[in-house]
Amino acid sequence: MLIQISSGKGPDECELAVGKFTQVLMAEMKDAKIVQEVRGKYAGCFKSVVLAVDKNAAHLEGTVKWIATSPFRPKHKRKNWFIDISIFDEQAKKDYPEDLVRFETFRCGGKGGQNVNKVETGVRVVHVPTGLTVVSTEARTQYLNKKIALIKLGEIINKQNKEVEALAKQVMWIQHELLERGNPVRVYEGQTFKRIEECVK
């Protein structure tokens, strides 16, 4: 599962809140790992951070509120800063170990010398989890056609994985821009980022 912590289009204070909340989550979830980050202008500030976690984190989705005087603009009247927490299922990549692949052989025409139409040199490989099917008939032996078919299958799956990753990144970027303020799932206060009751205004 992926947790995206985002400042949206918020100012430096929101980017600092992203950094502080990231530290809080990594202390709470020992398995959390940073898989992507976009740094802000100042040390400890981030426009967004993406964490990978093993646990279900659906309860964190929403807005986090930080009540604090700006460390960058001490005379600024605003004291309420908001960041967005979005949860995404990590896309499971398709793989192709041989226990997930079914081979079918058949006789084939074309180039192949004395083996043409006599032995089953053509190979059809089926990726069982997805139903993807690839055929190879270009080699003269069944062994080589198996190798070629697996290579072709690998190329298709790798291409699909890249497309899935690109789509997931697009969705996450759109979510990054959609920061809603109000009704926070958590509220923190002060430079120590101490958690307080959610009902505090």
C-alpha atoms as a PDB file:
ATOM      1  CA  MET A   1       0.000   0.000   0.000  1.00  0.00           C
ATOM      2  CA  LEU A   2       1.234   3.508  -0.796  1.00  0.00           C
ATOM      3  CA  ILE A   3       0.671   6.577   1.387  1.00  0.00           C
ATOM      4  CA  GLN A   4       1.090   9.900  -0.414  1.00  0.00           C
ATOM      5  CA  ILE A   5       1.645  12.892   1.885  1.00  0.00           C
ATOM      6  CA  SER A   6       1.226  16.109  -0.069  1.00  0.00           C
ATOM      7  CA  SER A   7       1.342  19.849   0.519  1.00  0.00           C
ATOM      8  CA  GLY A   8      -0.842  20.381  -2.550  1.00  0.00           C
ATOM      9  CA  LYS A   9      -0.090  23.892  -3.732  1.00  0.00           C
ATOM     10  CA  GLY A  10       0.413  25.059  -0.166  1.00  0.00           C
ATOM     11  CA  PRO A  11       3.243  27.332   1.028  1.00  0.00           C
ATOM     12  CA  ASP A  12       6.526  26.419   2.716  1.00  0.00           C
ATOM     13  CA  GLU A  13       4.740  25.824   6.030  1.00  0.00           C
ATOM     14  CA  CYS A  14       2.662  23.056   4.451  1.00  0.00           C
ATOM     15  CA  GLU A  15       5.812  21.533   2.985  1.00  0.00           C
ATOM     16  CA  LEU A  16       7.332  21.520   6.484  1.00  0.00           C
ATOM     17  CA  ALA A  17       4.191  19.814   7.810  1.00  0.00           C
ATOM     18  CA  VAL A  18       4.686  17.095   5.171  1.00  0.00           C
ATOM     19  CA  GLY A  19       8.207  16.487   6.497  1.00  0.00           C
ATOM     20  CA  LYS A  20       7.049  16.417  10.122  1.00  0.00           C
ATOM     21  CA  PHE A  21       4.115  14.098   9.431  1.00  0.00           C
ATOM     22  CA  THR A  22       6.377  11.767   7.444  1.00  0.00           C
ATOM     23  CA  GLN A  23       8.598  11.412  10.516  1.00  0.00           C
ATOM     24  CA  VAL A  24       5.526  10.689  12.662  1.00  0.00           C
ATOM     25  CA  LEU A  25       4.309   7.931  10.319  1.00  0.00           C
ATOM     26  CA  MET A  26       7.724   6.336   9.993  1.00  0.00           C
ATOM     27  CA  ALA A  27       7.915   6.166  13.793  1.00  0.00           C
ATOM     28  CA  GLU A  28       4.411   4.651  13.962  1.00  0.00           C
ATOM     29  CA  MET A  29       4.891   2.215  11.088  1.00  0.00           C
ATOM     30  CA  LYS A  30       8.289   0.598  11.438  1.00  0.00           C
ATOM     31  CA  ASP A  31       7.979  -1.087   8.033  1.00  0.00           C
ATOM     32  CA  ALA A  32       7.372   2.211   6.190  1.00  0.00           C
ATOM     33  CA  LYS A  33       9.840   3.026   3.421  1.00  0.00           C
ATOM     34  CA  ILE A  34      10.141   6.222   1.400  1.00  0.00           C
ATOM     35  CA  VAL A  35       9.782   5.325  -2.286  1.00  0.00           C
ATOM     36  CA  GLN A  36       9.461   8.835  -3.698  1.00  0.00           C
ATOM     37  CA  GLU A  37       9.960  12.377  -2.463  1.00  0.00           C
ATOM     38  CA  VAL A  38       9.868  15.892  -3.888  1.00  0.00           C
ATOM     39  CA  ARG A  39      11.871  18.251  -1.703  1.00  0.00           C
ATOM     40  CA  GLY A  40      10.826  21.789  -0.875  1.00  0.00           C
ATOM     41  CA  LYS A  41      12.793  24.997  -0.588  1.00  0.00           C
ATOM     42  CA  TYR A  42      13.989  24.542   3.000  1.00  0.00           C
ATOM     43  CA  ALA A  43      15.586  21.679   4.935  1.00  0.00           C
ATOM     44  CA  GLY A  44      12.987  19.243   6.211  1.00  0.00           C
ATOM     45  CA  CYS A  45      10.380  20.530   3.754  1.00  0.00           C
ATOM     46  CA  PHE A  46       8.742  18.355   1.091  1.00  0.00           C
ATOM     47  CA  LYS A  47       6.146  19.055  -1.569  1.00  0.00           C
ATOM     48  CA  SER A  48       5.229  15.384  -1.379  1.00  0.00           C
ATOM     49  CA  VAL A  49       6.438  12.082   0.033  1.00  0.00           C
ATOM     50  CA  VAL A  50       5.264   8.600  -0.904  1.00  0.00           C
ATOM     51  CA  LEU A  51       5.642   5.802   1.647  1.00  0.00           C
ATOM     52  CA  ALA A  52       5.257   2.080   1.005  1.00  0.00           C
ATOM     53  CA  VAL A  53       3.758   0.182   3.945  1.00  0.00           C
ATOM     54  CA  ASP A  54       2.599  -3.382   4.528  1.00  0.00           C
ATOM     55  CA  LYS A  55      -0.272  -2.449   6.828  1.00  0.00           C
ATOM     56  CA  ASN A  56      -3.710  -1.155   5.891  1.00  0.00           C
ATOM     57  CA  ALA A  57      -3.545   2.639   6.158  1.00  0.00           C
ATOM     58  CA  ALA A  58      -7.035   3.548   4.911  1.00  0.00           C
ATOM     59  CA  HIS A  59      -7.837   5.250   8.245  1.00  0.00           C
ATOM     60  CA  LEU A  60      -5.228   7.931   7.470  1.00  0.00           C
ATOM     61  CA  GLU A  61      -6.799   9.140   4.240  1.00  0.00           C
ATOM     62  CA  GLY A  62      -7.943  12.741   4.390  1.00  0.00           C
ATOM     63  CA  THR A  63      -6.550  16.043   5.638  1.00  0.00           C
ATOM     64  CA  VAL A  64      -4.038  16.640   8.430  1.00  0.00           C
ATOM     65  CA  LYS A  65      -4.105  20.003  10.192  1.00  0.00           C
ATOM     66  CA  TRP A  66      -1.078  21.630  11.805  1.00  0.00           C
ATOM     67  CA  ILE A  67      -1.634  24.552  14.186  1.00  0.00           C
ATOM     68  CA  ALA A  68       1.563  26.575  14.552  1.00  0.00           C
ATOM     69  CA  THR A  69       3.168  29.960  14.061  1.00  0.00           C
ATOM     70  CA  SER A  70       5.123  30.017  10.839  1.00  0.00           C
ATOM     71  CA  PRO A  71       8.851  29.421  11.431  1.00  0.00           C
ATOM     72  CA  PHE A  72       9.528  31.144   8.112  1.00  0.00           C
ATOM     73  CA  ARG A  73       7.206  34.151   8.568  1.00  0.00           C
ATOM     74  CA  PRO A  74       6.860  34.793  12.335  1.00  0.00           C
ATOM     75  CA  LYS A  75       4.585  37.841  11.853  1.00  0.00           C
ATOM     76  CA  HIS A  76       2.207  35.969   9.540  1.00  0.00           C
ATOM     77  CA  LYS A  77      -1.314  35.846  11.007  1.00  0.00           C
ATOM     78  CA  ARG A  78      -2.158  32.413   9.645  1.00  0.00           C
ATOM     79  CA  LYS A  79      -1.614  29.520  12.053  1.00  0.00           C
ATOM     80  CA  ASN A  80      -3.568  26.682  10.412  1.00  0.00           C
ATOM     81  CA  TRP A  81      -1.716  24.644   7.776  1.00  0.00           C
ATOM     82  CA  PHE A  82      -3.143  21.656   5.915  1.00  0.00           C
ATOM     83  CA  ILE A  83      -1.669  18.684   4.106  1.00  0.00           C
ATOM     84  CA  ASP A  84      -3.329  15.845   2.209  1.00  0.00           C
ATOM     85  CA  ILE A  85      -2.987  12.121   2.858  1.00  0.00           C
ATOM     86  CA  SER A  86      -4.002   9.836  -0.016  1.00  0.00           C
ATOM     87  CA  ILE A  87      -3.897   6.045  -0.022  1.00  0.00           C
ATOM     88  CA  PHE A  88      -3.198   3.959  -3.112  1.00  0.00           C
ATOM     89  CA  ASP A  89      -2.993   0.218  -3.638  1.00  0.00           C
ATOM     90  CA  GLU A  90       0.442  -0.608  -4.952  1.00  0.00           C
ATOM     91  CA  GLN A  91       0.023  -2.026  -8.432  1.00  0.00           C
ATOM     92  CA  ALA A  92       0.939  -5.706  -8.435  1.00  0.00           C
ATOM     93  CA  LYS A  93       3.375  -6.299 -11.247  1.00  0.00           C
ATOM     94  CA  LYS A  94       2.799  -9.272 -13.506  1.00  0.00           C
ATOM     95  CA  ASP A  95       5.660 -11.736 -13.505  1.00  0.00           C
ATOM     96  CA  TYR A  96       6.350 -14.897 -15.425  1.00  0.00           C
ATOM     97  CA  PRO A  97       8.150 -17.602 -13.476  1.00  0.00           C
ATOM     98  CA  GLU A  98       7.679 -20.911 -15.235  1.00  0.00           C
ATOM     99  CA  ASP A  99       5.168 -22.188 -12.684  1.00  0.00           C
ATOM    100  CA  LEU A 100       2.809 -19.456 -13.945  1.00  0.00           C
ATOM    101  CA  VAL A 101       3.375 -20.268 -17.591  1.00  0.00           C
ATOM    102  CA  ARG A 102       1.800 -23.028 -19.681  1.00  0.00           C
ATOM    103  CA  PHE A 103       3.545 -24.262 -22.834  1.00  0.00           C
ATOM    104  CA  GLU A 104       1.713 -25.716 -25.819  1.00  0.00           C
ATOM    105  CA  THR A 105       3.497 -27.172 -28.820  1.00  0.00           C
ATOM    106  CA  PHE A 106       2.311 -27.685 -32.391  1.00  0.00           C
ATOM    107  CA  ARG A 107       3.562 -28.534 -35.850  1.00  0.00           C
ATOM    108  CA  CYS A 108       4.342 -25.544 -38.014  1.00  0.00           C
ATOM    109  CA  GLY A 109       5.157 -24.844 -41.637  1.00  0.00           C
ATOM    110  CA  GLY A 110       7.721 -22.503 -43.125  1.00  0.00           C
ATOM    111  CA  LYS A 111      11.466 -22.669 -42.705  1.00  0.00           C
ATOM    112  CA  GLY A 112      12.651 -25.501 -40.554  1.00  0.00           C
ATOM    113  CA  GLY A 113      14.341 -28.025 -42.782  1.00  0.00           C
ATOM    114  CA  GLN A 114      13.460 -31.661 -42.291  1.00  0.00           C
ATOM    115  CA  ASN A 115      11.513 -30.973 -39.106  1.00  0.00           C
ATOM    116  CA  VAL A 116       8.757 -28.991 -40.850  1.00  0.00           C
ATOM    117  CA  ASN A 117       5.332 -30.673 -40.399  1.00  0.00           C
ATOM    118  CA  LYS A 118       6.997 -33.720 -38.783  1.00  0.00           C
ATOM    119  CA  VAL A 119       7.662 -32.661 -35.183  1.00  0.00           C
ATOM    120  CA  GLU A 120       6.051 -30.082 -32.952  1.00  0.00           C
ATOM    121  CA  THR A 121       8.617 -27.265 -33.067  1.00  0.00           C
ATOM    122  CA  GLY A 122       6.110 -24.388 -32.771  1.00  0.00           C
ATOM    123  CA  VAL A 123       5.501 -23.129 -29.236  1.00  0.00           C
ATOM    124  CA  ARG A 124       2.593 -21.242 -27.731  1.00  0.00           C
ATOM    125  CA  VAL A 125       3.208 -19.895 -24.228  1.00  0.00           C
ATOM    126  CA  VAL A 126       0.278 -18.802 -22.044  1.00  0.00           C
ATOM    127  CA  HIS A 127       0.737 -16.587 -18.982  1.00  0.00           C
ATOM    128  CA  VAL A 128      -1.863 -18.225 -16.741  1.00  0.00           C
ATOM    129  CA  PRO A 129      -2.658 -15.272 -14.398  1.00  0.00           C
ATOM    130  CA  THR A 130      -3.461 -12.882 -17.264  1.00  0.00           C
ATOM    131  CA  GLY A 131      -4.240 -15.120 -20.231  1.00  0.00           C
ATOM    132  CA  LEU A 132      -1.569 -13.407 -22.334  1.00  0.00           C
ATOM    133  CA  THR A 133      -0.535 -15.681 -25.195  1.00  0.00           C
ATOM    134  CA  VAL A 134       2.614 -15.545 -27.325  1.00  0.00           C
ATOM    135  CA  VAL A 135       3.563 -17.808 -30.237  1.00  0.00           C
ATOM    136  CA  SER A 136       7.007 -18.576 -31.638  1.00  0.00           C
ATOM    137  CA  THR A 137       7.634 -20.585 -34.800  1.00  0.00           C
ATOM    138  CA  GLU A 138      10.770 -18.941 -36.160  1.00  0.00           C
ATOM    139  CA  ALA A 139      13.352 -21.313 -34.660  1.00  0.00           C
ATOM    140  CA  ARG A 140      14.061 -24.851 -35.874  1.00  0.00           C
ATOM    141  CA  THR A 141      13.768 -26.445 -32.447  1.00  0.00           C
ATOM    142  CA  GLN A 142      11.106 -26.497 -29.783  1.00  0.00           C
ATOM    143  CA  TYR A 143      13.682 -25.505 -27.159  1.00  0.00           C
ATOM    144  CA  LEU A 144      14.675 -22.312 -28.983  1.00  0.00           C
ATOM    145  CA  ASN A 145      11.053 -21.424 -29.704  1.00  0.00           C
ATOM    146  CA  LYS A 146      10.298 -21.736 -25.975  1.00  0.00           C
ATOM    147  CA  LYS A 147      13.126 -19.319 -25.245  1.00  0.00           C
ATOM    148  CA  ILE A 148      11.931 -16.866 -27.900  1.00  0.00           C
ATOM    149  CA  ALA A 149       8.331 -17.059 -26.697  1.00  0.00           C
ATOM    150  CA  LEU A 150       9.378 -16.365 -23.094  1.00  0.00           C
ATOM    151  CA  ILE A 151      11.410 -13.355 -24.220  1.00  0.00           C
ATOM    152  CA  LYS A 152       8.418 -12.001 -26.175  1.00  0.00           C
ATOM    153  CA  LEU A 153       6.132 -12.572 -23.196  1.00  0.00           C
ATOM    154  CA  GLY A 154       8.583 -10.799 -20.915  1.00  0.00           C
ATOM    155  CA  GLU A 155       8.694  -7.782 -23.226  1.00  0.00           C
ATOM    156  CA  ILE A 156       4.880  -7.531 -23.285  1.00  0.00           C
ATOM    157  CA  ILE A 157       4.580  -7.815 -19.505  1.00  0.00           C
ATOM    158  CA  ASN A 158       7.353  -5.282 -18.898  1.00  0.00           C
ATOM    159  CA  LYS A 159       5.645  -2.833 -21.251  1.00  0.00           C
ATOM    160  CA  GLN A 160       2.324  -3.287 -19.438  1.00  0.00           C
ATOM    161  CA  ASN A 161       4.017  -2.807 -16.071  1.00  0.00           C
ATOM    162  CA  LYS A 162       5.518   0.490 -17.257  1.00  0.00           C
ATOM    163  CA  GLU A 163       2.111   1.640 -18.518  1.00  0.00           C
ATOM    164  CA  VAL A 164       0.498   0.753 -15.169  1.00  0.00           C
ATOM    165  CA  GLU A 165       3.218   2.634 -13.276  1.00  0.00           C
ATOM    166  CA  ALA A 166       2.796   5.688 -15.512  1.00  0.00           C
ATOM    167  CA  LEU A 167      -0.970   5.676 -14.967  1.00  0.00           C
ATOM    168  CA  ALA A 168      -0.538   5.313 -11.204  1.00  0.00           C
ATOM    169  CA  LYS A 169       1.853   8.288 -11.168  1.00  0.00           C
ATOM    170  CA  GLN A 170      -0.665  10.390 -13.116  1.00  0.00           C
ATOM    171  CA  VAL A 171      -3.432   9.528 -10.650  1.00  0.00           C
ATOM    172  CA  MET A 172      -1.171  10.337  -7.702  1.00  0.00           C
ATOM    173  CA  TRP A 173      -0.196  13.696  -9.225  1.00  0.00           C
ATOM    174  CA  ILE A 174      -3.852  14.618  -9.768  1.00  0.00           C
ATOM    175  CA  GLN A 175      -4.529  13.706  -6.132  1.00  0.00           C
ATOM    176  CA  HIS A 176      -1.531  15.823  -5.126  1.00  0.00           C
ATOM    177  CA  GLU A 177      -3.338  18.874  -6.536  1.00  0.00           C
ATOM    178  CA  LEU A 178      -6.649  18.185  -4.758  1.00  0.00           C
ATOM    179  CA  LEU A 179      -6.023  19.263  -1.191  1.00  0.00           C
ATOM    180  CA  GLU A 180      -9.240  19.703   0.793  1.00  0.00           C
ATOM    181  CA  ARG A 181      -9.163  21.775   3.974  1.00  0.00           C
ATOM    182  CA  GLY A 182     -11.389  21.059   6.950  1.00  0.00           C
ATOM    183  CA  ASN A 183     -12.557  17.922   8.789  1.00  0.00           C
ATOM    184  CA  PRO A 184      -8.997  16.716   9.452  1.00  0.00           C
ATOM    185  CA  VAL A 185      -8.364  13.087  10.357  1.00  0.00           C
ATOM    186  CA  ARG A 186      -5.563  14.267  12.645  1.00  0.00           C
ATOM    187  CA  VAL A 187      -4.523  17.564  14.220  1.00  0.00           C
ATOM    188  CA  TYR A 188      -1.033  18.515  15.416  1.00  0.00           C
ATOM    189  CA  GLU A 189       0.177  21.581  17.283  1.00  0.00           C
ATOM    190  CA  GLY A 190       3.396  23.560  17.715  1.00  0.00           C
ATOM    191  CA  GLN A 191       6.898  23.090  16.376  1.00  0.00           C
ATOM    192  CA  THR A 192       7.165  19.795  18.251  1.00  0.00           C
ATOM    193  CA  PHE A 193       4.264  18.541  16.121  1.00  0.00           C
ATOM    194  CA  LYS A 194       2.358  17.193  19.114  1.00  0.00           C
ATOM    195  CA  ARG A 195      -0.863  15.377  18.282  1.00  0.00           C
ATOM    196  CA  ILE A 196      -4.013  16.825  19.852  1.00  0.00           C
ATOM    197  CA  GLU A 197      -7.722  16.046  19.702  1.00  0.00           C
ATOM    198  CA  GLU A 198      -9.278  16.216  16.228  1.00  0.00           C
ATOM    199  CA  CYS A 199     -12.109  18.419  17.461  1.00  0.00           C
ATOM    200  CA  VAL A 200      -9.772  21.352  18.159  1.00  0.00           C
ATOM    201  CA  LYS A 201     -10.518  24.259  15.805  1.00  0.00           C
END
